[in-house]
């Protein structure tokens, strides 16, 4: 079963009066995410987007607005760590 299938099944069970099914399915999905490499892969992809954004920002004038956009990019990546 895929994660989506398990979550959908748990949602149906929760709707039918078994709220623990949903909580258990979510806890299992979170545990699997943490055990795998999906989170690190997402972080690496975010870093790639940050580098691309930084390269694109170089075309703009060197001013407070460009620095603010750069800071926002860094914040988003750091917040996920």
PDB file of N, CA and C in Angstrom:
ATOM      1  N   UNK A   1       0.830  -1.200   0.000  1.00  0.00           N
ATOM      2  CA  UNK A   1       0.000   0.000   0.000  1.00  0.00           C
ATOM      3  C   UNK A   1       0.866   1.252   0.000  1.00  0.00           C
ATOM      4  N   UNK A   2       0.455   2.215  -0.761  1.00  0.00           N
ATOM      5  CA  UNK A   2       1.158   3.490  -0.760  1.00  0.00           C
ATOM      6  C   UNK A   2       0.719   4.307   0.451  1.00  0.00           C
ATOM      7  N   UNK A   3       1.488   5.317   0.750  1.00  0.00           N
ATOM      8  CA  UNK A   3       1.156   6.199   1.869  1.00  0.00           C
ATOM      9  C   UNK A   3      -0.217   6.819   1.639  1.00  0.00           C
ATOM     10  N   UNK A   4      -0.470   7.244   0.416  1.00  0.00           N
ATOM     11  CA  UNK A   4      -1.760   7.863   0.098  1.00  0.00           C
ATOM     12  C   UNK A   4      -2.902   6.880   0.329  1.00  0.00           C
ATOM     13  N   UNK A   5      -2.726   5.640  -0.106  1.00  0.00           N
ATOM     14  CA  UNK A   5      -3.765   4.625   0.102  1.00  0.00           C
ATOM     15  C   UNK A   5      -4.035   4.419   1.588  1.00  0.00           C
ATOM     16  N   UNK A   6      -2.964   4.330   2.365  1.00  0.00           N
ATOM     17  CA  UNK A   6      -3.134   4.120   3.811  1.00  0.00           C
ATOM     18  C   UNK A   6      -3.837   5.304   4.463  1.00  0.00           C
ATOM     19  N   UNK A   7      -3.472   6.519   4.047  1.00  0.00           N
ATOM     20  CA  UNK A   7      -4.113   7.701   4.620  1.00  0.00           C
ATOM     21  C   UNK A   7      -5.585   7.783   4.218  1.00  0.00           C
ATOM     22  N   UNK A   8      -5.886   7.443   2.972  1.00  0.00           N
ATOM     23  CA  UNK A   8      -7.285   7.452   2.539  1.00  0.00           C
ATOM     24  C   UNK A   8      -8.103   6.428   3.312  1.00  0.00           C
ATOM     25  N   UNK A   9      -7.555   5.235   3.491  1.00  0.00           N
ATOM     26  CA  UNK A   9      -8.244   4.204   4.262  1.00  0.00           C
ATOM     27  C   UNK A   9      -8.468   4.667   5.693  1.00  0.00           C
ATOM     28  N   UNK A  10      -7.440   5.257   6.284  1.00  0.00           N
ATOM     29  CA  UNK A  10      -7.557   5.750   7.656  1.00  0.00           C
ATOM     30  C   UNK A  10      -8.602   6.855   7.750  1.00  0.00           C
ATOM     31  N   UNK A  11      -8.689   7.692   6.729  1.00  0.00           N
ATOM     32  CA  UNK A  11      -9.697   8.761   6.733  1.00  0.00           C
ATOM     33  C   UNK A  11     -11.102   8.167   6.699  1.00  0.00           C
ATOM     34  N   UNK A  12     -11.299   7.137   5.878  1.00  0.00           N
ATOM     35  CA  UNK A  12     -12.608   6.476   5.833  1.00  0.00           C
ATOM     36  C   UNK A  12     -12.948   5.865   7.190  1.00  0.00           C
ATOM     37  N   UNK A  13     -11.959   5.218   7.809  1.00  0.00           N
ATOM     38  CA  UNK A  13     -12.183   4.619   9.124  1.00  0.00           C
ATOM     39  C   UNK A  13     -12.504   5.688  10.164  1.00  0.00           C
ATOM     40  N   UNK A  14     -11.793   6.795  10.100  1.00  0.00           N
ATOM     41  CA  UNK A  14     -12.047   7.891  11.042  1.00  0.00           C
ATOM     42  C   UNK A  14     -13.451   8.450  10.830  1.00  0.00           C
ATOM     43  N   UNK A  15     -13.847   8.586   9.580  1.00  0.00           N
ATOM     44  CA  UNK A  15     -15.196   9.077   9.282  1.00  0.00           C
ATOM     45  C   UNK A  15     -16.271   8.114   9.782  1.00  0.00           C
ATOM     46  N   UNK A  16     -15.908   6.826   9.861  1.00  0.00           N
ATOM     47  CA  UNK A  16     -16.848   5.810  10.350  1.00  0.00           C
ATOM     48  C   UNK A  16     -16.764   5.614  11.860  1.00  0.00           C
ATOM     49  N   UNK A  17     -16.038   6.491  12.547  1.00  0.00           N
ATOM     50  CA  UNK A  17     -16.030   6.438  14.011  1.00  0.00           C
ATOM     51  C   UNK A  17     -14.762   5.922  14.654  1.00  0.00           C
ATOM     52  N   UNK A  18     -13.684   5.784  13.907  1.00  0.00           N
ATOM     53  CA  UNK A  18     -12.412   5.312  14.478  1.00  0.00           C
ATOM     54  C   UNK A  18     -11.348   6.397  14.322  1.00  0.00           C
ATOM     55  N   UNK A  19     -11.376   7.433  15.188  1.00  0.00           N
ATOM     56  CA  UNK A  19     -10.424   8.540  15.043  1.00  0.00           C
ATOM     57  C   UNK A  19      -8.971   8.119  15.244  1.00  0.00           C
ATOM     58  N   UNK A  20      -8.748   7.050  15.977  1.00  0.00           N
ATOM     59  CA  UNK A  20      -7.374   6.584  16.193  1.00  0.00           C
ATOM     60  C   UNK A  20      -6.730   6.095  14.900  1.00  0.00           C
ATOM     61  N   UNK A  21      -7.532   5.598  13.974  1.00  0.00           N
ATOM     62  CA  UNK A  21      -6.983   5.100  12.706  1.00  0.00           C
ATOM     63  C   UNK A  21      -6.256   6.213  11.972  1.00  0.00           C
ATOM     64  N   UNK A  22      -6.835   7.406  11.960  1.00  0.00           N
ATOM     65  CA  UNK A  22      -6.217   8.544  11.274  1.00  0.00           C
ATOM     66  C   UNK A  22      -4.922   8.937  11.966  1.00  0.00           C
ATOM     67  N   UNK A  23      -4.957   9.062  13.278  1.00  0.00           N
ATOM     68  CA  UNK A  23      -3.760   9.470  14.016  1.00  0.00           C
ATOM     69  C   UNK A  23      -2.627   8.458  13.852  1.00  0.00           C
ATOM     70  N   UNK A  24      -2.966   7.183  13.867  1.00  0.00           N
ATOM     71  CA  UNK A  24      -1.946   6.153  13.686  1.00  0.00           C
ATOM     72  C   UNK A  24      -1.359   6.195  12.277  1.00  0.00           C
ATOM     73  N   UNK A  25      -2.195   6.403  11.285  1.00  0.00           N
ATOM     74  CA  UNK A  25      -1.711   6.456   9.900  1.00  0.00           C
ATOM     75  C   UNK A  25      -0.793   7.654   9.692  1.00  0.00           C
ATOM     76  N   UNK A  26      -1.148   8.792  10.256  1.00  0.00           N
ATOM     77  CA  UNK A  26      -0.306   9.981  10.130  1.00  0.00           C
ATOM     78  C   UNK A  26       1.012   9.767  10.860  1.00  0.00           C
ATOM     79  N   UNK A  27       0.956   9.205  12.064  1.00  0.00           N
ATOM     80  CA  UNK A  27       2.183   8.943  12.824  1.00  0.00           C
ATOM     81  C   UNK A  27       3.103   8.001  12.054  1.00  0.00           C
ATOM     82  N   UNK A  28       2.538   6.981  11.420  1.00  0.00           N
ATOM     83  CA  UNK A  28       3.339   6.047  10.630  1.00  0.00           C
ATOM     84  C   UNK A  28       3.953   6.747   9.424  1.00  0.00           C
ATOM     85  N   UNK A  29       3.185   7.593   8.749  1.00  0.00           N
ATOM     86  CA  UNK A  29       3.703   8.312   7.577  1.00  0.00           C
ATOM     87  C   UNK A  29       4.848   9.235   7.973  1.00  0.00           C
ATOM     88  N   UNK A  30       4.697   9.938   9.081  1.00  0.00           N
ATOM     89  CA  UNK A  30       5.757  10.834   9.556  1.00  0.00           C
ATOM     90  C   UNK A  30       7.000  10.031   9.910  1.00  0.00           C
ATOM     91  N   UNK A  31       6.814   8.906  10.574  1.00  0.00           N
ATOM     92  CA  UNK A  31       7.942   8.049  10.938  1.00  0.00           C
ATOM     93  C   UNK A  31       8.687   7.557   9.698  1.00  0.00           C
ATOM     94  N   UNK A  32       7.946   7.155   8.679  1.00  0.00           N
ATOM     95  CA  UNK A  32       8.570   6.689   7.439  1.00  0.00           C
ATOM     96  C   UNK A  32       9.317   7.814   6.733  1.00  0.00           C
ATOM     97  N   UNK A  33       8.744   9.004   6.740  1.00  0.00           N
ATOM     98  CA  UNK A  33       9.429  10.150   6.131  1.00  0.00           C
ATOM     99  C   UNK A  33      10.747  10.437   6.831  1.00  0.00           C
ATOM    100  N   UNK A  34      10.714  10.395   8.139  1.00  0.00           N
ATOM    101  CA  UNK A  34      11.930  10.689   8.907  1.00  0.00           C
ATOM    102  C   UNK A  34      12.984   9.605   8.735  1.00  0.00           C
ATOM    103  N   UNK A  35      12.550   8.372   8.545  1.00  0.00           N
ATOM    104  CA  UNK A  35      13.491   7.263   8.395  1.00  0.00           C
ATOM    105  C   UNK A  35      14.113   7.235   7.003  1.00  0.00           C
ATOM    106  N   UNK A  36      13.414   7.765   6.029  1.00  0.00           N
ATOM    107  CA  UNK A  36      13.899   7.745   4.654  1.00  0.00           C
ATOM    108  C   UNK A  36      14.725   8.970   4.329  1.00  0.00           C
ATOM    109  N   UNK A  37      14.979   9.161   3.046  1.00  0.00           N
ATOM    110  CA  UNK A  37      15.804  10.286   2.612  1.00  0.00           C
ATOM    111  C   UNK A  37      14.998  11.377   1.916  1.00  0.00           C
ATOM    112  N   UNK A  38      13.670  11.306   2.001  1.00  0.00           N
ATOM    113  CA  UNK A  38      12.825  12.281   1.308  1.00  0.00           C
ATOM    114  C   UNK A  38      13.031  13.696   1.829  1.00  0.00           C
ATOM    115  N   UNK A  39      13.182  13.844   3.125  1.00  0.00           N
ATOM    116  CA  UNK A  39      13.340  15.184   3.696  1.00  0.00           C
ATOM    117  C   UNK A  39      14.659  15.794   3.240  1.00  0.00           C
ATOM    118  N   UNK A  40      15.718  15.019   3.287  1.00  0.00           N
ATOM    119  CA  UNK A  40      17.018  15.545   2.846  1.00  0.00           C
ATOM    120  C   UNK A  40      17.000  15.847   1.347  1.00  0.00           C
ATOM    121  N   UNK A  41      16.332  15.012   0.581  1.00  0.00           N
ATOM    122  CA  UNK A  41      16.220  15.273  -0.859  1.00  0.00           C
ATOM    123  C   UNK A  41      15.461  16.574  -1.111  1.00  0.00           C
ATOM    124  N   UNK A  42      14.420  16.819  -0.343  1.00  0.00           N
ATOM    125  CA  UNK A  42      13.664  18.071  -0.488  1.00  0.00           C
ATOM    126  C   UNK A  42      14.523  19.270  -0.102  1.00  0.00           C
ATOM    127  N   UNK A  43      15.318  19.123   0.950  1.00  0.00           N
ATOM    128  CA  UNK A  43      16.225  20.210   1.348  1.00  0.00           C
ATOM    129  C   UNK A  43      17.244  20.501   0.247  1.00  0.00           C
ATOM    130  N   UNK A  44      17.787  19.447  -0.333  1.00  0.00           N
ATOM    131  CA  UNK A  44      18.753  19.643  -1.417  1.00  0.00           C
ATOM    132  C   UNK A  44      18.110  20.347  -2.607  1.00  0.00           C
ATOM    133  N   UNK A  45      16.882  19.977  -2.909  1.00  0.00           N
ATOM    134  CA  UNK A  45      16.186  20.641  -4.013  1.00  0.00           C
ATOM    135  C   UNK A  45      15.931  22.110  -3.675  1.00  0.00           C
ATOM    136  N   UNK A  46      15.592  22.383  -2.424  1.00  0.00           N
ATOM    137  CA  UNK A  46      15.379  23.774  -2.005  1.00  0.00           C
ATOM    138  C   UNK A  46      16.670  24.575  -2.135  1.00  0.00           C
ATOM    139  N   UNK A  47      17.787  23.961  -1.776  1.00  0.00           N
ATOM    140  CA  UNK A  47      19.082  24.646  -1.923  1.00  0.00           C
ATOM    141  C   UNK A  47      19.384  24.933  -3.395  1.00  0.00           C
ATOM    142  N   UNK A  48      19.026  24.005  -4.260  1.00  0.00           N
ATOM    143  CA  UNK A  48      19.211  24.222  -5.696  1.00  0.00           C
ATOM    144  C   UNK A  48      18.382  25.413  -6.165  1.00  0.00           C
ATOM    145  N   UNK A  49      17.140  25.481  -5.716  1.00  0.00           N
ATOM    146  CA  UNK A  49      16.291  26.625  -6.079  1.00  0.00           C
ATOM    147  C   UNK A  49      16.853  27.919  -5.512  1.00  0.00           C
ATOM    148  N   UNK A  50      17.431  27.859  -4.305  1.00  0.00           N
ATOM    149  CA  UNK A  50      18.041  29.050  -3.713  1.00  0.00           C
ATOM    150  C   UNK A  50      19.191  29.543  -4.586  1.00  0.00           C
ATOM    151  N   UNK A  51      20.044  28.624  -5.028  1.00  0.00           N
ATOM    152  CA  UNK A  51      21.163  29.021  -5.893  1.00  0.00           C
ATOM    153  C   UNK A  51      20.655  29.634  -7.200  1.00  0.00           C
ATOM    154  N   UNK A  52      19.615  29.042  -7.775  1.00  0.00           N
ATOM    155  CA  UNK A  52      19.056  29.597  -9.014  1.00  0.00           C
ATOM    156  C   UNK A  52      18.461  30.982  -8.773  1.00  0.00           C
ATOM    157  N   UNK A  53      17.781  31.129  -7.648  1.00  0.00           N
ATOM    158  CA  UNK A  53      17.193  32.430  -7.321  1.00  0.00           C
ATOM    159  C   UNK A  53      18.287  33.470  -7.124  1.00  0.00           C
ATOM    160  N   UNK A  54      19.367  33.078  -6.432  1.00  0.00           N
ATOM    161  CA  UNK A  54      20.482  34.009  -6.228  1.00  0.00           C
ATOM    162  C   UNK A  54      21.072  34.445  -7.566  1.00  0.00           C
ATOM    163  N   UNK A  55      21.232  33.498  -8.478  1.00  0.00           N
ATOM    164  CA  UNK A  55      21.755  33.836  -9.805  1.00  0.00           C
ATOM    165  C   UNK A  55      20.817  34.803 -10.528  1.00  0.00           C
ATOM    166  N   UNK A  56      19.527  34.571 -10.416  1.00  0.00           N
ATOM    167  CA  UNK A  56      18.554  35.459 -11.058  1.00  0.00           C
ATOM    168  C   UNK A  56      18.558  36.841 -10.424  1.00  0.00           C
ATOM    169  N   UNK A  57      18.762  36.894  -9.117  1.00  0.00           N
ATOM    170  CA  UNK A  57      18.758  38.178  -8.420  1.00  0.00           C
ATOM    171  C   UNK A  57      19.931  39.059  -8.832  1.00  0.00           C
ATOM    172  N   UNK A  58      21.013  38.453  -9.299  1.00  0.00           N
ATOM    173  CA  UNK A  58      22.179  39.247  -9.712  1.00  0.00           C
ATOM    174  C   UNK A  58      21.857  40.173 -10.885  1.00  0.00           C
ATOM    175  N   UNK A  59      20.802  39.868 -11.616  1.00  0.00           N
ATOM    176  CA  UNK A  59      20.409  40.731 -12.734  1.00  0.00           C
ATOM    177  C   UNK A  59      19.742  42.018 -12.250  1.00  0.00           C
ATOM    178  N   UNK A  60      19.334  42.026 -10.985  1.00  0.00           N
ATOM    179  CA  UNK A  60      18.670  43.209 -10.430  1.00  0.00           C
ATOM    180  C   UNK A  60      19.694  44.169  -9.836  1.00  0.00           C
ATOM    181  N   UNK A  61      19.317  45.423  -9.672  1.00  0.00           N
ATOM    182  CA  UNK A  61      20.236  46.388  -9.052  1.00  0.00           C
ATOM    183  C   UNK A  61      20.592  45.959  -7.627  1.00  0.00           C
ATOM    184  N   UNK A  62      21.815  46.257  -7.235  1.00  0.00           N
ATOM    185  CA  UNK A  62      22.280  45.921  -5.890  1.00  0.00           C
ATOM    186  C   UNK A  62      21.699  46.941  -4.911  1.00  0.00           C
ATOM    187  N   UNK A  63      20.546  46.587  -4.356  1.00  0.00           N
ATOM    188  CA  UNK A  63      19.892  47.501  -3.428  1.00  0.00           C
ATOM    189  C   UNK A  63      19.185  46.712  -2.325  1.00  0.00           C
ATOM    190  N   UNK A  64      18.498  47.420  -1.463  1.00  0.00           N
ATOM    191  CA  UNK A  64      17.848  46.798  -0.319  1.00  0.00           C
ATOM    192  C   UNK A  64      16.790  45.783  -0.754  1.00  0.00           C
ATOM    193  N   UNK A  65      16.141  46.004  -1.875  1.00  0.00           N
ATOM    194  CA  UNK A  65      15.105  45.088  -2.344  1.00  0.00           C
ATOM    195  C   UNK A  65      15.700  43.746  -2.761  1.00  0.00           C
ATOM    196  N   UNK A  66      16.789  43.807  -3.481  1.00  0.00           N
ATOM    197  CA  UNK A  66      17.464  42.576  -3.886  1.00  0.00           C
ATOM    198  C   UNK A  66      17.968  41.835  -2.658  1.00  0.00           C
ATOM    199  N   UNK A  67      18.552  42.551  -1.712  1.00  0.00           N
ATOM    200  CA  UNK A  67      19.050  41.914  -0.492  1.00  0.00           C
ATOM    201  C   UNK A  67      17.901  41.307   0.316  1.00  0.00           C
ATOM    202  N   UNK A  68      16.774  41.976   0.324  1.00  0.00           N
ATOM    203  CA  UNK A  68      15.602  41.445   1.033  1.00  0.00           C
ATOM    204  C   UNK A  68      15.111  40.154   0.393  1.00  0.00           C
ATOM    205  N   UNK A  69      15.056  40.115  -0.930  1.00  0.00           N
ATOM    206  CA  UNK A  69      14.628  38.897  -1.620  1.00  0.00           C
ATOM    207  C   UNK A  69      15.610  37.760  -1.368  1.00  0.00           C
ATOM    208  N   UNK A  70      16.897  38.081  -1.364  1.00  0.00           N
ATOM    209  CA  UNK A  70      17.905  37.064  -1.066  1.00  0.00           C
ATOM    210  C   UNK A  70      17.717  36.548   0.359  1.00  0.00           C
ATOM    211  N   UNK A  71      17.501  37.451   1.296  1.00  0.00           N
ATOM    212  CA  UNK A  71      17.274  37.050   2.684  1.00  0.00           C
ATOM    213  C   UNK A  71      16.056  36.163   2.835  1.00  0.00           C
ATOM    214  N   UNK A  72      15.014  36.457   2.093  1.00  0.00           N
ATOM    215  CA  UNK A  72      13.814  35.632   2.128  1.00  0.00           C
ATOM    216  C   UNK A  72      14.108  34.227   1.617  1.00  0.00           C
ATOM    217  N   UNK A  73      14.861  34.120   0.548  1.00  0.00           N
ATOM    218  CA  UNK A  73      15.238  32.803   0.015  1.00  0.00           C
ATOM    219  C   UNK A  73      16.007  32.001   1.062  1.00  0.00           C
ATOM    220  N   UNK A  74      16.976  32.626   1.690  1.00  0.00           N
ATOM    221  CA  UNK A  74      17.766  31.935   2.710  1.00  0.00           C
ATOM    222  C   UNK A  74      16.896  31.521   3.889  1.00  0.00           C
ATOM    223  N   UNK A  75      15.989  32.390   4.286  1.00  0.00           N
ATOM    224  CA  UNK A  75      15.108  32.085   5.410  1.00  0.00           C
ATOM    225  C   UNK A  75      14.277  30.837   5.133  1.00  0.00           C
ATOM    226  N   UNK A  76      13.736  30.746   3.943  1.00  0.00           N
ATOM    227  CA  UNK A  76      12.896  29.596   3.605  1.00  0.00           C
ATOM    228  C   UNK A  76      13.695  28.300   3.695  1.00  0.00           C
ATOM    229  N   UNK A  77      14.915  28.304   3.181  1.00  0.00           N
ATOM    230  CA  UNK A  77      15.737  27.092   3.224  1.00  0.00           C
ATOM    231  C   UNK A  77      16.141  26.773   4.660  1.00  0.00           C
ATOM    232  N   UNK A  78      16.560  27.768   5.423  1.00  0.00           N
ATOM    233  CA  UNK A  78      16.992  27.533   6.804  1.00  0.00           C
ATOM    234  C   UNK A  78      15.838  27.076   7.683  1.00  0.00           C
ATOM    235  N   UNK A  79      14.654  27.566   7.410  1.00  0.00           N
ATOM    236  CA  UNK A  79      13.500  27.217   8.235  1.00  0.00           C
ATOM    237  C   UNK A  79      13.170  25.733   8.131  1.00  0.00           C
ATOM    238  N   UNK A  80      13.537  25.107   7.045  1.00  0.00           N
ATOM    239  CA  UNK A  80      13.230  23.692   6.865  1.00  0.00           C
ATOM    240  C   UNK A  80      14.251  22.783   7.534  1.00  0.00           C
ATOM    241  N   UNK A  81      15.315  23.353   8.042  1.00  0.00           N
ATOM    242  CA  UNK A  81      16.353  22.512   8.653  1.00  0.00           C
ATOM    243  C   UNK A  81      16.067  22.214  10.101  1.00  0.00           C
TER     244      UNK A  81
END
